[in-house]
Each structure stands twice: as structure tokens, then as C-alpha cells.
């Protein structure tokens, strides 16, 4: 039951410690799974630090030396084990530990079964979907490299990349790639490189090893961290036959560290050959176009209209002269017909003119008012008359 305490009625440390000892004692013996982080022997007792594989937590375990010696194969740091132990709380120093009575190394079959279950779980979430994978950059500004300290894998990646592209720059993070700190250090290095804007691709690499050695690269936390990266990730773990879960979530899986060095950068010699070939193709294309244009120009220059342009002018000159002569003749004919028409009209007008009548001997008689006399009785006797003939006029008087 909970203690009845208050600021005025606090419980002493010994009471709390004894209560905790009782609570822990009631837990009884339990089976615990973890990874051996530290291992030491002192006389007849062995001491282990057992670390959780998914979280940064650990517990202290002690056991008789004979329990440790009974393990087959012999236990070593980094091994996965299942321990049957009883929790013990030590009130004097306020510490919690476990007393083991049996330790069972997790066999390869159990590891593979756990990996398969983890693989199916992550696959069901779509972390291995090919549509999530991104293309690697053609020429990265800087390559992030996560590798072991002074490892052959680091040398293989760097040397092969620089052999292909000498000016390639690396941002290297050397971490533990085996053991209890591998998962946390590799995950932190990947996240740190992913946060750098100048890093365009990340390579996670280590050499080959047993299934147990490569277990950190199948850790669920590391797989999820790589899946969350915005930067393309290349997995180069072990050899061709090795296949940790990191290979499935990475954007590109390299068979070896050497292959990773060849994948992240282009081959300068090959690119130079490609540029030279492209330049040759362009040159040939331009030369062919120039040659075709020259051939067309030569053909055009051989045509008579270009070779002897005055022929066209002379031909047009004769055409213009013919048209001009024809125009003159047509205009002359029309003018002649028009002159004839004018003469005929003039003759008709003259025939109808009063002057022509007068020239035939007729005269026009007008009275004093100028009116033409048409009736003789209209003129009074003694009246003056004006007689107009063809040439001039006369004065007359009516007598009777």
C-alpha cells in the first residue's frame, strides 16, 4: 500500500528503501533479453551489463562464474542473450541489479527469425517500397561517409571515389560499427550528415562479418532513421552475400564498399571520353550541314539566272520594248479613231450651225428689240430692221 506521507510527516530513507526492496522482491524471477555491453569476472562471480537493443537502457546482472562458463559458445561482449534472473534491490547503496541463474545465448536461428519478423513489419509500413527510393545525384558537392575508425571500408570508398573523380569531397564520421554502441553512433552520424545542406549523398559502410556482427545494421531504429532522411543513402555493408535490413531501406544498395565508391561519383575518364565523343558528333554534324549548304550554294550558282543574270534583263528588255511598241500602236489607233469621231461631230455641228445656213445665202432679220422676225405682218411699216448675213449685217426699213 502507498505510504501516508506529508511535508510534516515524511518517511525516512530507510523506510523508502525497505519498501522498494519489498516491491522488487515480489517481482520474482523473470526472463530478460538483451545485448551484453560489458563482461567481467571476479573470483567466483561474473558481472554483466545487459543493454536493450532498441533503447538506450541497461541493467546490471551478476551470476556465479559456473553459469557463465556453461554458455556454449562462450559469451563475449556484443552477444545477444536471454537471461533468467531475479531482481535485487540493495537498500544500503540504493542500487538495483539482477542475479542470474541461467544464461542462454540467442542462436543464429532465433536471430534470423527475429530479423524476418522485423523485416515483414517494416515492409508492411512501406519503408522498403521502391517508389520511396530517390536517385543518386550525378556529381555530389560533398559525400557523407559513416564508417568504422580507420577501417578498410573507409579506405575502399574514399580511394575508389577519388580514383574516379579526384576532386570529390568527403564529410567522414568514424563510429563504432560493431558492438553495443554501434546502433546509437551510426544513427546519430546519419542524422548529423542528413542535417548538413552541403552533403548530397550519405554512404554507410563497413566490412564483412557474421550475422551477429552485422546485426546493428538491421536495427529497427537505424532503419527508421534512414527512411526519414531527406538525403539519398547508399548502403555498403559487408559483401555481396550479406543483406542487412539497411540494404532494403537505403536508396541504393552497393555490393561492397568498393562498389559504393564507384556509385557515388561519375568516372572522370569516362565523362571526358563522352564529352570528346559528343564534341566529335557535333563537329561532324556542323561539317555535314556546312557541306550540304555549300553543295546547295554551288548548285544555285551554276543556274543561268545566277551565272548570267544579264540574260534575264535582256529578255525582259525585249519584252518591255515589244509592250511599248504595242502600246504606241494601240494608242495611235485609238487617237485616229477619236480624231475621226471629232471630225464627224464637227461636220454635224457645222451642218446644224446657223452660220452655215447664212453662208448658203440666207439672212436673219431682227426687229429693233432684237427678236427674230418670222412673220412679215409682225413688223410695222416704217420700222427699222436688222438684217444679218453670212458676213456682216445691214440696216433696213419696211416701206409697206
Protein backbone atom coordinates (compact mmCIF):
# COMPACT_ATOMS: atom_id res chain seq x y z
CA UNK A 1 0.00 0.00 0.00
CA UNK A 2 1.08 3.58 -0.59
CA UNK A 3 2.76 5.34 2.26
CA UNK A 4 0.91 8.11 4.03
CA UNK A 5 3.43 10.91 3.93
CA UNK A 6 3.34 14.70 4.02
CA UNK A 7 5.77 17.61 4.43
CA UNK A 8 5.03 17.45 8.17
CA UNK A 9 5.21 13.65 8.35
CA UNK A 10 7.89 12.50 5.83
CA UNK A 11 9.16 8.95 5.59
CA UNK A 12 12.82 8.31 6.36
CA UNK A 13 15.15 6.99 3.66
CA UNK A 14 15.38 3.56 5.29
CA UNK A 15 11.61 3.17 5.13
CA UNK A 16 11.50 4.00 1.41
CA UNK A 17 14.50 1.77 0.70
CA UNK A 18 12.93 -1.17 2.57
CA UNK A 19 9.61 -0.62 0.75
CA UNK A 20 11.44 -0.68 -2.60
CA UNK A 21 13.25 -3.84 -1.55
CA UNK A 22 9.91 -5.45 -0.84
CA UNK A 23 8.37 -4.31 -4.11
CA UNK A 24 11.33 -5.63 -6.11
CA UNK A 25 11.35 -8.93 -4.22
CA UNK A 26 7.74 -9.52 -5.26
CA UNK A 27 8.72 -9.28 -8.95
CA UNK A 28 10.24 -12.73 -8.78
CA UNK A 29 12.48 -14.32 -11.40
CA UNK A 30 11.97 -13.15 -15.00
CA UNK A 31 13.46 -13.88 -18.43
CA UNK A 32 15.31 -10.85 -19.89
CA UNK A 33 16.57 -10.42 -23.44
CA UNK A 34 19.38 -8.02 -24.27
CA UNK A 35 22.88 -7.49 -25.59
CA UNK A 36 25.99 -7.91 -23.48
CA UNK A 37 27.63 -4.47 -23.22
CA UNK A 38 30.26 -5.29 -20.60
CA UNK A 39 31.54 -8.57 -19.19
CA UNK A 40 33.94 -9.16 -16.30
CA UNK A 41 34.87 -11.93 -13.87
CA UNK A 42 35.85 -11.55 -10.24
CA UNK A 43 36.78 -14.73 -8.41
CA UNK A 44 33.71 -16.93 -8.45
CA UNK A 45 31.27 -14.24 -9.67
CA UNK A 46 30.72 -12.80 -13.14
CA UNK A 47 29.27 -9.37 -13.81
CA UNK A 48 27.43 -8.31 -16.98
CA UNK A 49 25.89 -5.10 -18.23
CA UNK A 50 22.86 -6.02 -20.29
CA UNK A 51 21.76 -3.40 -22.83
CA UNK A 52 18.42 -3.06 -24.57
CA UNK A 53 18.73 -3.39 -28.37
CA UNK A 54 16.07 -0.79 -29.14
CA UNK A 55 16.52 1.84 -26.41
CA UNK A 56 19.39 3.40 -24.52
CA UNK A 57 18.75 1.42 -21.32
CA UNK A 58 20.80 -1.14 -19.45
CA UNK A 59 20.76 -3.21 -16.25
CA UNK A 60 23.48 -4.84 -14.17
CA UNK A 61 23.48 -8.61 -13.93
CA UNK A 62 25.63 -10.85 -11.73
CA UNK A 63 25.85 -14.60 -11.74
CA UNK A 64 28.07 -17.39 -10.48
CA UNK A 65 31.08 -17.99 -12.70
CA UNK A 66 29.86 -21.51 -13.42
CA UNK A 67 26.69 -20.08 -15.07
CA UNK A 68 28.84 -18.04 -17.42
CA UNK A 69 31.18 -20.95 -18.14
CA UNK A 70 28.18 -23.13 -19.08
CA UNK A 71 27.37 -20.92 -22.07
CA UNK A 72 28.04 -22.53 -25.45
CA UNK A 73 29.53 -20.86 -27.40
CA UNK A 74 31.49 -18.83 -24.83
CA UNK A 75 29.87 -15.49 -24.08
CA UNK A 76 31.51 -12.27 -25.31
CA UNK A 77 30.67 -8.60 -25.43
CA UNK A 78 28.11 -7.78 -28.10
CA UNK A 79 26.39 -11.18 -27.88
CA UNK A 80 22.60 -11.42 -27.74
CA UNK A 81 21.43 -13.41 -24.71
CA UNK A 82 18.34 -14.43 -22.77
CA UNK A 83 18.88 -14.35 -19.01
CA UNK A 84 16.78 -15.92 -16.25
CA UNK A 85 17.33 -13.65 -13.27
CA UNK A 86 15.76 -12.27 -10.10
CA UNK A 87 15.79 -8.54 -9.34
CA UNK A 88 17.63 -7.43 -6.19
CA UNK A 89 17.47 -4.01 -4.59
CA UNK A 90 20.32 -3.06 -2.26
CA UNK A 91 19.00 -0.55 0.27
CA UNK A 92 22.43 0.36 1.61
CA UNK A 93 23.64 1.83 -1.69
CA UNK A 94 20.26 2.34 -3.38
CA UNK A 95 21.09 0.24 -6.47
CA UNK A 96 19.16 -2.30 -8.47
CA UNK A 97 20.69 -5.39 -10.07
CA UNK A 98 19.72 -8.84 -11.20
CA UNK A 99 21.02 -12.21 -10.01
CA UNK A 100 21.07 -14.64 -12.93
CA UNK A 101 20.70 -18.38 -12.62
CA UNK A 102 20.77 -19.19 -16.33
CA UNK A 103 22.15 -17.52 -19.45
CA UNK A 104 21.23 -18.63 -22.96
CA UNK A 105 22.94 -17.13 -26.00
CA UNK A 106 20.44 -16.34 -28.72
CA UNK A 107 21.24 -18.72 -31.58
CA UNK A 108 21.50 -17.87 -35.26
CA UNK A 109 18.11 -19.39 -35.97
CA UNK A 110 16.41 -17.19 -33.40
CA UNK A 111 18.22 -14.12 -34.75
CA UNK A 112 17.19 -14.85 -38.30
CA UNK A 113 13.58 -15.42 -37.20
CA UNK A 114 13.56 -12.08 -35.37
CA UNK A 115 15.07 -10.36 -38.39
CA UNK A 116 12.43 -11.86 -40.66
CA UNK A 117 9.62 -10.69 -38.37
CA UNK A 118 11.17 -7.22 -38.22
CA UNK A 119 11.55 -7.21 -41.99
CA UNK A 120 7.89 -8.07 -42.51
CA UNK A 121 6.81 -5.39 -40.04
CA UNK A 122 8.84 -2.64 -41.70
CA UNK A 123 7.82 -3.81 -45.17
CA UNK A 124 4.14 -3.63 -44.19
CA UNK A 125 4.70 0.03 -43.30
CA UNK A 126 6.08 0.71 -46.78
CA UNK A 127 9.64 1.53 -45.70
CA UNK A 128 11.06 -0.76 -48.40
CA UNK A 129 8.77 0.48 -51.18
CA UNK A 130 10.81 1.11 -54.38
CA UNK A 131 8.74 4.26 -55.05
CA UNK A 132 10.26 5.85 -51.93
CA UNK A 133 13.80 5.48 -53.22
CA UNK A 134 15.49 8.57 -54.66
CA UNK A 135 18.01 8.81 -57.47
CA UNK A 136 21.60 9.48 -56.52
CA UNK A 137 22.99 12.87 -57.59
CA UNK A 138 25.16 12.86 -60.72
CA UNK A 139 28.02 14.76 -59.06
CA UNK A 140 27.58 15.39 -55.32
CA UNK A 141 29.11 18.51 -53.81
CA UNK A 142 30.11 16.52 -50.72
CA UNK A 143 29.76 12.83 -49.84
CA UNK A 144 28.85 11.93 -46.27
CA UNK A 145 30.59 8.74 -45.10
CA UNK A 146 29.69 6.74 -41.99
CA UNK A 147 32.30 4.06 -41.32
CA UNK A 148 34.45 2.37 -38.71
CA UNK A 149 37.51 4.03 -37.29
CA UNK A 150 40.50 3.66 -39.66
CA UNK A 151 38.69 0.84 -41.42
CA UNK A 152 39.40 -0.84 -44.75
CA UNK A 153 35.85 0.01 -45.82
CA UNK A 154 36.56 3.74 -45.41
CA UNK A 155 39.75 3.43 -47.45
CA UNK A 156 37.98 1.46 -50.20
CA UNK A 157 35.20 4.04 -50.57
CA UNK A 158 37.48 7.09 -50.49
CA UNK A 159 40.21 5.70 -52.75
CA UNK A 160 37.83 4.33 -55.39
CA UNK A 161 35.77 7.53 -55.42
CA UNK A 162 38.84 9.74 -55.77
CA UNK A 163 40.28 7.45 -58.42
CA UNK A 164 37.16 8.13 -60.48
CA UNK A 165 36.73 11.81 -59.54
CA UNK A 166 39.86 13.22 -57.85
CA UNK A 167 38.23 16.40 -56.52
CA UNK A 168 35.41 14.69 -54.65
CA UNK A 169 34.99 15.98 -51.08
CA UNK A 170 34.05 13.78 -48.09
CA UNK A 171 32.41 14.51 -44.76
CA UNK A 172 33.51 11.47 -42.72
CA UNK A 173 32.04 10.29 -39.43
CA UNK A 174 34.00 7.45 -37.83
CA UNK A 175 31.81 5.47 -35.44
CA UNK A 176 31.53 2.06 -33.86
CA UNK A 177 30.18 -0.37 -36.44
CA UNK A 178 30.03 -3.35 -34.11
CA UNK A 179 29.07 -3.80 -30.50
CA UNK A 180 26.67 -2.18 -28.13
CA UNK A 181 27.33 1.42 -29.26
CA UNK A 182 27.09 0.75 -32.97
CA UNK A 183 23.37 1.44 -33.42
CA UNK A 184 23.33 4.71 -31.50
CA UNK A 185 26.55 6.05 -33.06
CA UNK A 186 25.64 5.10 -36.63
CA UNK A 187 22.14 6.55 -36.23
CA UNK A 188 23.48 9.80 -34.78
CA UNK A 189 26.08 10.10 -37.58
CA UNK A 190 23.46 9.57 -40.29
CA UNK A 191 21.15 12.17 -38.77
CA UNK A 192 24.03 14.65 -38.38
CA UNK A 193 25.10 14.27 -42.02
CA UNK A 194 21.49 14.49 -43.21
CA UNK A 195 21.22 17.89 -41.48
CA UNK A 196 24.20 19.30 -43.44
CA UNK A 197 22.92 21.09 -46.58
CA UNK A 198 26.19 20.59 -48.49
CA UNK A 199 26.02 16.79 -48.16
CA UNK A 200 24.23 15.42 -51.25
CA UNK A 201 24.58 11.68 -50.56
CA UNK A 202 25.36 9.54 -47.50
CA UNK A 203 27.27 6.26 -47.60
CA UNK A 204 27.00 3.86 -44.65
CA UNK A 205 29.67 1.20 -44.89
CA UNK A 206 31.59 -1.49 -43.04
CA UNK A 207 33.42 -4.66 -43.99
CA UNK A 208 32.02 -8.15 -43.93
CA UNK A 209 31.29 -10.22 -40.85
CA UNK A 210 29.00 -12.75 -39.29
CA UNK A 211 25.26 -12.29 -38.92
CA UNK A 212 25.81 -11.24 -35.31
CA UNK A 213 28.41 -8.67 -36.35
CA UNK A 214 26.03 -7.08 -38.85
CA UNK A 215 23.02 -7.00 -36.51
CA UNK A 216 23.36 -3.25 -35.78
CA UNK A 217 22.58 -2.55 -39.43
CA UNK A 218 19.28 -4.41 -39.10
CA UNK A 219 18.22 -2.41 -36.05
CA UNK A 220 14.71 -1.02 -36.34
CA UNK A 221 15.72 2.39 -35.01
CA UNK A 222 18.51 2.76 -37.57
CA UNK A 223 16.24 1.60 -40.40
CA UNK A 224 13.60 4.18 -39.46
CA UNK A 225 16.24 6.92 -39.18
CA UNK A 226 17.49 6.17 -42.70
CA UNK A 227 13.92 6.08 -44.03
CA UNK A 228 13.37 9.58 -42.60
CA UNK A 229 16.47 11.05 -44.28
CA UNK A 230 15.97 13.74 -46.91
CA UNK A 231 19.41 12.92 -48.36
CA UNK A 232 19.84 9.80 -50.56
CA UNK A 233 21.54 6.98 -48.64
CA UNK A 234 23.81 4.26 -50.03
CA UNK A 235 24.21 1.06 -48.04
CA UNK A 236 27.54 -0.73 -48.45
CA UNK A 237 27.55 -3.31 -45.67
CA UNK A 238 29.71 -6.40 -45.92
CA UNK A 239 29.93 -8.39 -49.11
CA UNK A 240 27.55 -9.46 -51.86
CA UNK A 241 26.02 -12.26 -49.77
CA UNK A 242 25.38 -10.01 -46.74
CA UNK A 243 21.95 -8.41 -46.67
CA UNK A 244 21.04 -6.41 -43.53
CA UNK A 245 17.76 -4.53 -43.41
CA UNK A 246 19.66 -1.30 -44.10
CA UNK A 247 20.14 -2.54 -47.68
CA UNK A 248 16.37 -2.66 -48.16
CA UNK A 249 15.58 0.81 -46.87
CA UNK A 250 18.56 2.58 -48.48
CA UNK A 251 18.07 4.38 -51.79
CA UNK A 252 20.89 2.34 -53.32
CA UNK A 253 22.45 -0.92 -52.23
CA UNK A 254 26.15 -1.34 -53.07
CA UNK A 255 27.51 -4.88 -53.03
CA UNK A 256 30.79 -3.81 -51.40
CA UNK A 257 32.43 -0.62 -50.11
CA UNK A 258 34.44 -0.55 -53.34
CA UNK A 259 31.21 -0.61 -55.34
CA UNK A 260 29.86 2.26 -53.23
CA UNK A 261 32.91 4.38 -54.09
CA UNK A 262 32.18 3.78 -57.77
CA UNK A 263 28.48 4.55 -57.45
CA UNK A 264 28.51 7.92 -55.71
CA UNK A 265 30.64 9.78 -58.27
CA UNK A 266 30.99 9.55 -62.06
CA UNK A 267 34.15 8.33 -63.76
CA UNK A 268 36.08 11.40 -64.93
CA UNK A 269 37.87 9.49 -67.69
CA UNK A 270 34.58 8.13 -68.98
CA UNK A 271 32.93 11.55 -68.80
CA UNK A 272 35.86 13.10 -70.69
CA UNK A 273 35.51 10.41 -73.34
CA UNK A 274 31.81 11.15 -73.52
CA UNK A 275 32.50 14.87 -73.89
CA UNK A 276 35.08 14.16 -76.62
CA UNK A 277 32.63 11.88 -78.45
CA UNK A 278 29.87 14.46 -78.16
CA UNK A 279 32.23 17.15 -79.45
CA UNK A 280 33.16 14.92 -82.42
CA UNK A 281 29.49 14.28 -83.18
CA UNK A 282 28.72 17.99 -83.04
CA UNK A 283 31.72 18.77 -85.25
CA UNK A 284 30.68 16.15 -87.81
CA UNK A 285 27.11 17.41 -87.74
CA UNK A 286 28.22 21.01 -88.30
CA UNK A 287 30.62 19.98 -91.06
CA UNK A 288 27.88 17.98 -92.74
CA UNK A 289 25.49 20.93 -92.59
CA UNK A 290 28.17 23.27 -93.96
CA UNK A 291 28.96 20.78 -96.73
CA UNK A 292 25.28 20.42 -97.62
CA UNK A 293 24.90 24.19 -97.64
CA UNK A 294 27.98 24.57 -99.87
CA UNK A 295 26.65 21.95 -102.29
CA UNK A 296 23.31 23.74 -102.46
CA UNK A 297 25.07 27.08 -102.97
CA UNK A 298 27.25 25.65 -105.76
CA UNK A 299 24.16 24.24 -107.48
CA UNK A 300 22.42 27.58 -107.22
CA UNK A 301 25.42 29.44 -108.60
CA UNK A 302 25.51 27.20 -111.69
CA UNK A 303 21.98 28.15 -112.68
CA UNK A 304 21.77 30.51 -115.66
CA UNK A 305 19.82 33.08 -113.68
CA UNK A 306 22.78 33.42 -111.31
CA UNK A 307 25.66 32.66 -113.69
CA UNK A 308 24.35 35.10 -116.41
CA UNK A 309 21.91 37.47 -114.73
CA UNK A 310 22.03 39.94 -117.72
CA UNK A 311 20.22 37.34 -119.87
CA UNK A 312 17.14 37.80 -117.75
CA UNK A 313 17.46 41.58 -118.01
CA UNK A 314 17.86 41.43 -121.77
CA UNK A 315 14.89 39.13 -122.10
CA UNK A 316 12.81 41.48 -120.02
CA UNK A 317 14.14 44.43 -122.02
CA UNK A 318 12.86 42.97 -125.31
CA UNK A 319 9.53 42.22 -123.63
CA UNK A 320 9.30 45.80 -122.43
CA UNK A 321 10.17 47.13 -125.92
CA UNK A 322 7.50 44.91 -127.52
CA UNK A 323 4.92 46.03 -124.99
CA UNK A 324 5.90 49.66 -125.51
CA UNK A 325 5.57 49.35 -129.33
CA UNK A 326 2.24 47.62 -128.94
CA UNK A 327 1.08 50.35 -126.61
CA UNK A 328 2.11 53.04 -129.07
CA UNK A 329 0.23 51.35 -131.91
CA UNK A 330 -2.87 50.84 -129.86
CA UNK A 331 -2.76 54.42 -128.65
CA UNK A 332 -2.24 55.71 -132.23
CA UNK A 333 -5.23 53.70 -133.48
CA UNK A 334 -7.36 54.99 -130.68
CA UNK A 335 -6.27 58.57 -131.29
CA UNK A 336 -7.00 58.21 -135.02
CA UNK A 337 -10.47 56.86 -134.33
CA UNK A 338 -11.06 59.63 -131.84
CA UNK A 339 -9.94 62.27 -134.42
CA UNK A 340 -12.34 60.79 -136.96
CA UNK A 341 -15.13 60.90 -134.42
CA UNK A 342 -14.32 64.53 -133.62
CA UNK A 343 -14.34 65.42 -137.37
CA UNK A 344 -17.68 63.78 -137.85
CA UNK A 345 -19.11 65.56 -134.85
CA UNK A 346 -17.64 68.83 -136.03
CA UNK A 347 -19.20 68.33 -139.52
CA UNK A 348 -22.57 67.58 -137.97
CA UNK A 349 -22.29 70.60 -135.73
CA UNK A 350 -21.31 72.81 -138.65
CA UNK A 351 -24.16 71.48 -140.72
CA UNK A 352 -26.55 72.42 -137.98
CA UNK A 353 -24.91 75.82 -137.34
CA UNK A 354 -26.96 78.99 -138.35
CA UNK A 355 -23.75 80.41 -139.83
CA UNK A 356 -23.65 77.61 -142.36
CA UNK A 357 -27.20 78.45 -143.34
CA UNK A 358 -26.25 82.08 -143.77
CA UNK A 359 -23.30 81.10 -145.94
CA UNK A 360 -25.74 79.47 -148.34
CA UNK A 361 -27.45 82.89 -148.91
CA UNK A 362 -29.89 83.06 -146.14
CA UNK A 363 -30.26 86.04 -143.76
CA UNK A 364 -31.63 86.60 -140.28
CA UNK A 365 -33.98 89.58 -139.84
CA UNK A 366 -34.37 91.09 -136.39
CA UNK A 367 -36.57 93.95 -135.22
CA UNK A 368 -35.42 96.82 -133.11
CA UNK A 369 -35.74 94.74 -129.96
CA UNK A 370 -33.50 92.05 -131.42
CA UNK A 371 -36.25 89.49 -131.81
CA UNK A 372 -36.10 87.37 -134.94
CA UNK A 373 -38.81 88.23 -137.40
CA UNK A 374 -40.61 85.17 -138.56
CA UNK A 375 -43.89 86.75 -139.74
CA UNK A 376 -43.90 89.74 -142.04
CA UNK A 377 -47.08 91.18 -140.57
CA UNK A 378 -45.40 91.35 -137.19
CA UNK A 379 -43.28 94.31 -138.43
CA UNK A 380 -44.98 97.69 -138.68
CA UNK A 381 -44.45 99.83 -141.76
CA UNK A 382 -41.52 102.19 -141.39
CA UNK A 383 -39.89 100.02 -138.69
CA UNK A 384 -36.16 99.62 -138.74
CA UNK A 385 -34.88 96.11 -139.27
CA UNK A 386 -31.53 94.48 -138.75
CA UNK A 387 -30.53 92.02 -141.43
CA UNK A 388 -27.66 89.65 -140.62
CA UNK A 389 -25.96 87.84 -143.43
CA UNK A 390 -23.03 85.40 -143.56
CA UNK A 391 -20.51 88.19 -143.43
CA UNK A 392 -21.77 91.29 -141.62
CA UNK A 393 -25.23 92.86 -141.18
CA UNK A 394 -27.43 95.53 -142.84
CA UNK A 395 -29.94 98.16 -141.70
CA UNK A 396 -33.32 98.10 -143.48
CA UNK A 397 -36.71 99.76 -143.16
CA UNK A 398 -40.10 98.32 -144.02
CA UNK A 399 -41.80 100.55 -146.62
CA UNK A 400 -45.14 98.92 -146.98
